[in-house]
């Protein structure tokens, strides 16, 4: 279950980065506000999901 949540967060993050690159629209910033605590929490969760996914990749789980 945790793996699916992490993969979902990484998918959303990838789409967000695509929007930033193509349209110059940051969806996290648009939803949570510029430099808001909620935006920091969302980005922190995405970072943790990335670390978890790397760990899963290299431990073959």
N, C-alpha and C. Protein backbone atom coordinates (compact mmCIF):
# COMPACT_ATOMS: atom_id res chain seq x y z
N UNK A 1 0.83 -1.20 0.00
CA UNK A 1 0.00 0.00 0.00
C UNK A 1 0.87 1.25 0.00
N UNK A 2 1.89 1.27 0.86
CA UNK A 2 2.78 2.43 0.93
C UNK A 2 3.51 2.65 -0.40
N UNK A 3 3.86 1.55 -1.06
CA UNK A 3 4.53 1.66 -2.35
C UNK A 3 3.64 2.34 -3.37
N UNK A 4 2.36 2.01 -3.39
CA UNK A 4 1.43 2.62 -4.35
C UNK A 4 1.25 4.11 -4.05
N UNK A 5 1.23 4.47 -2.78
CA UNK A 5 1.11 5.89 -2.42
C UNK A 5 2.36 6.63 -2.89
N UNK A 6 3.53 6.05 -2.64
CA UNK A 6 4.77 6.69 -3.07
C UNK A 6 4.82 6.84 -4.58
N UNK A 7 4.43 5.82 -5.31
CA UNK A 7 4.44 5.90 -6.77
C UNK A 7 3.44 6.94 -7.27
N UNK A 8 2.28 7.02 -6.61
CA UNK A 8 1.29 8.03 -6.99
C UNK A 8 1.82 9.44 -6.77
N UNK A 9 2.49 9.67 -5.65
CA UNK A 9 3.08 10.99 -5.39
C UNK A 9 4.15 11.33 -6.41
N UNK A 10 4.96 10.35 -6.78
CA UNK A 10 6.00 10.60 -7.77
C UNK A 10 5.39 10.86 -9.15
N UNK A 11 4.31 10.19 -9.48
CA UNK A 11 3.62 10.45 -10.74
C UNK A 11 3.07 11.87 -10.77
N UNK A 12 2.42 12.28 -9.70
CA UNK A 12 1.90 13.64 -9.63
C UNK A 12 3.02 14.67 -9.67
N UNK A 13 4.13 14.37 -9.03
CA UNK A 13 5.27 15.28 -9.06
C UNK A 13 5.84 15.42 -10.47
N UNK A 14 5.92 14.31 -11.16
CA UNK A 14 6.40 14.36 -12.55
C UNK A 14 5.49 15.17 -13.44
N UNK A 15 4.18 15.00 -13.27
CA UNK A 15 3.24 15.80 -14.04
C UNK A 15 3.36 17.28 -13.69
N UNK A 16 3.54 17.57 -12.40
CA UNK A 16 3.70 18.95 -11.97
C UNK A 16 4.95 19.57 -12.59
N UNK A 17 6.06 18.84 -12.59
CA UNK A 17 7.28 19.36 -13.20
C UNK A 17 7.08 19.59 -14.70
N UNK A 18 6.31 18.72 -15.35
CA UNK A 18 6.00 18.92 -16.76
C UNK A 18 5.21 20.20 -16.99
N UNK A 19 4.24 20.46 -16.12
CA UNK A 19 3.47 21.70 -16.22
C UNK A 19 4.36 22.92 -16.01
N UNK A 20 5.29 22.81 -15.08
CA UNK A 20 6.21 23.92 -14.83
C UNK A 20 7.07 24.17 -16.07
N UNK A 21 7.58 23.11 -16.64
CA UNK A 21 8.44 23.23 -17.81
C UNK A 21 7.74 23.73 -19.05
N UNK A 22 6.53 23.26 -19.29
CA UNK A 22 5.81 23.61 -20.52
C UNK A 22 4.99 24.88 -20.36
N UNK A 23 4.22 24.97 -19.27
CA UNK A 23 3.27 26.07 -19.11
C UNK A 23 3.67 27.10 -18.06
N UNK A 24 4.78 26.85 -17.35
CA UNK A 24 5.23 27.72 -16.25
C UNK A 24 4.15 27.88 -15.18
N UNK A 25 3.47 26.76 -14.87
CA UNK A 25 2.43 26.73 -13.84
C UNK A 25 2.81 25.65 -12.83
N UNK A 26 3.03 26.04 -11.60
CA UNK A 26 3.34 25.09 -10.53
C UNK A 26 2.04 24.75 -9.82
N UNK A 27 1.57 23.51 -9.99
CA UNK A 27 0.28 23.11 -9.43
C UNK A 27 0.30 23.10 -7.90
N UNK A 28 1.40 22.68 -7.30
CA UNK A 28 1.49 22.68 -5.84
C UNK A 28 1.39 24.11 -5.32
N UNK A 29 2.12 25.01 -5.96
CA UNK A 29 2.07 26.41 -5.56
C UNK A 29 0.68 27.00 -5.78
N UNK A 30 0.04 26.62 -6.86
CA UNK A 30 -1.30 27.12 -7.15
C UNK A 30 -2.32 26.64 -6.12
N UNK A 31 -2.18 25.40 -5.68
CA UNK A 31 -3.13 24.84 -4.72
C UNK A 31 -2.86 25.28 -3.29
N UNK A 32 -1.58 25.34 -2.92
CA UNK A 32 -1.24 25.58 -1.52
C UNK A 32 -0.81 27.02 -1.24
N UNK A 33 -0.49 27.76 -2.27
CA UNK A 33 0.00 29.12 -2.07
C UNK A 33 1.51 29.17 -2.15
N UNK A 34 2.02 30.30 -2.57
CA UNK A 34 3.45 30.45 -2.75
C UNK A 34 4.18 30.44 -1.40
N UNK A 35 5.14 29.55 -1.28
CA UNK A 35 5.97 29.40 -0.09
C UNK A 35 5.15 29.20 1.19
N UNK A 36 4.03 28.51 1.08
CA UNK A 36 3.19 28.27 2.25
C UNK A 36 3.65 27.00 2.98
N UNK A 37 3.31 26.88 4.25
CA UNK A 37 3.65 25.65 4.98
C UNK A 37 3.02 24.40 4.34
N UNK A 38 1.81 24.53 3.81
CA UNK A 38 1.16 23.38 3.17
C UNK A 38 1.95 22.95 1.94
N UNK A 39 2.44 23.90 1.17
CA UNK A 39 3.26 23.58 0.00
C UNK A 39 4.55 22.88 0.39
N UNK A 40 5.15 23.33 1.49
CA UNK A 40 6.37 22.69 1.98
C UNK A 40 6.10 21.27 2.43
N UNK A 41 4.96 21.04 3.07
CA UNK A 41 4.59 19.69 3.50
C UNK A 41 4.40 18.79 2.28
N UNK A 42 3.69 19.29 1.27
CA UNK A 42 3.46 18.50 0.06
C UNK A 42 4.79 18.15 -0.60
N UNK A 43 5.66 19.14 -0.76
CA UNK A 43 6.96 18.87 -1.39
C UNK A 43 7.83 17.95 -0.54
N UNK A 44 7.73 18.04 0.77
CA UNK A 44 8.47 17.13 1.65
C UNK A 44 7.97 15.70 1.50
N UNK A 45 6.65 15.53 1.43
CA UNK A 45 6.09 14.19 1.23
C UNK A 45 6.54 13.60 -0.11
N UNK A 46 6.58 14.43 -1.14
CA UNK A 46 7.05 13.97 -2.45
C UNK A 46 8.52 13.55 -2.36
N UNK A 47 9.32 14.31 -1.63
CA UNK A 47 10.73 13.94 -1.45
C UNK A 47 10.89 12.63 -0.70
N UNK A 48 10.11 12.46 0.34
CA UNK A 48 10.15 11.20 1.10
C UNK A 48 9.71 10.04 0.21
N UNK A 49 8.70 10.27 -0.63
CA UNK A 49 8.25 9.22 -1.56
C UNK A 49 9.36 8.84 -2.52
N UNK A 50 10.13 9.82 -2.97
CA UNK A 50 11.25 9.54 -3.86
C UNK A 50 12.33 8.71 -3.19
N UNK A 51 12.66 9.06 -1.96
CA UNK A 51 13.67 8.30 -1.20
C UNK A 51 13.18 6.88 -0.96
N UNK A 52 11.91 6.74 -0.59
CA UNK A 52 11.33 5.42 -0.35
C UNK A 52 11.37 4.57 -1.62
N UNK A 53 11.03 5.19 -2.76
CA UNK A 53 11.02 4.45 -4.02
C UNK A 53 12.43 4.01 -4.41
N UNK A 54 13.42 4.88 -4.20
CA UNK A 54 14.79 4.47 -4.46
C UNK A 54 15.20 3.30 -3.57
N UNK A 55 14.83 3.37 -2.30
CA UNK A 55 15.13 2.28 -1.37
C UNK A 55 14.49 0.98 -1.86
N UNK A 56 13.24 1.06 -2.30
CA UNK A 56 12.55 -0.13 -2.80
C UNK A 56 13.23 -0.68 -4.05
N UNK A 57 13.70 0.22 -4.90
CA UNK A 57 14.36 -0.19 -6.14
C UNK A 57 15.63 -0.98 -5.86
N UNK A 58 16.42 -0.51 -4.90
CA UNK A 58 17.71 -1.13 -4.65
C UNK A 58 17.67 -2.28 -3.66
N UNK A 59 16.55 -2.47 -2.94
CA UNK A 59 16.45 -3.61 -2.04
C UNK A 59 15.60 -4.74 -2.64
N UNK A 60 15.13 -4.55 -3.85
CA UNK A 60 14.34 -5.56 -4.58
C UNK A 60 13.11 -6.03 -3.81
N UNK A 61 12.36 -5.11 -3.24
CA UNK A 61 11.14 -5.47 -2.51
C UNK A 61 9.94 -5.21 -3.35
